[in-house]
Amino acid sequence: MAQPHKGDRAAMTLRIPAELHEQLRKDAGDAKVALSQYVADLLALQAGRPDLAREIKAVPV
């Protein structure tokens, strides 16, 4: 199924601890958001750019 265009984006490869990856997968699943979008939103929020966060609007506690 086609997805809506998300604008100009750049790919990034990260090496993170396996435990963190599993936690992020769980958190993204709980939020019903794709892992890639979840991490992109977290990064946008951390960088002070909430206007770029598409699915989550606050860092989960």
Foldseek 3Di string as FASTA:
>chain_A
DDDDDLPDDDDDDDDDDPVVVVVLVVVCVVLVHPSVLSVVCVVCVVVVNLVSRDRDNDDDD
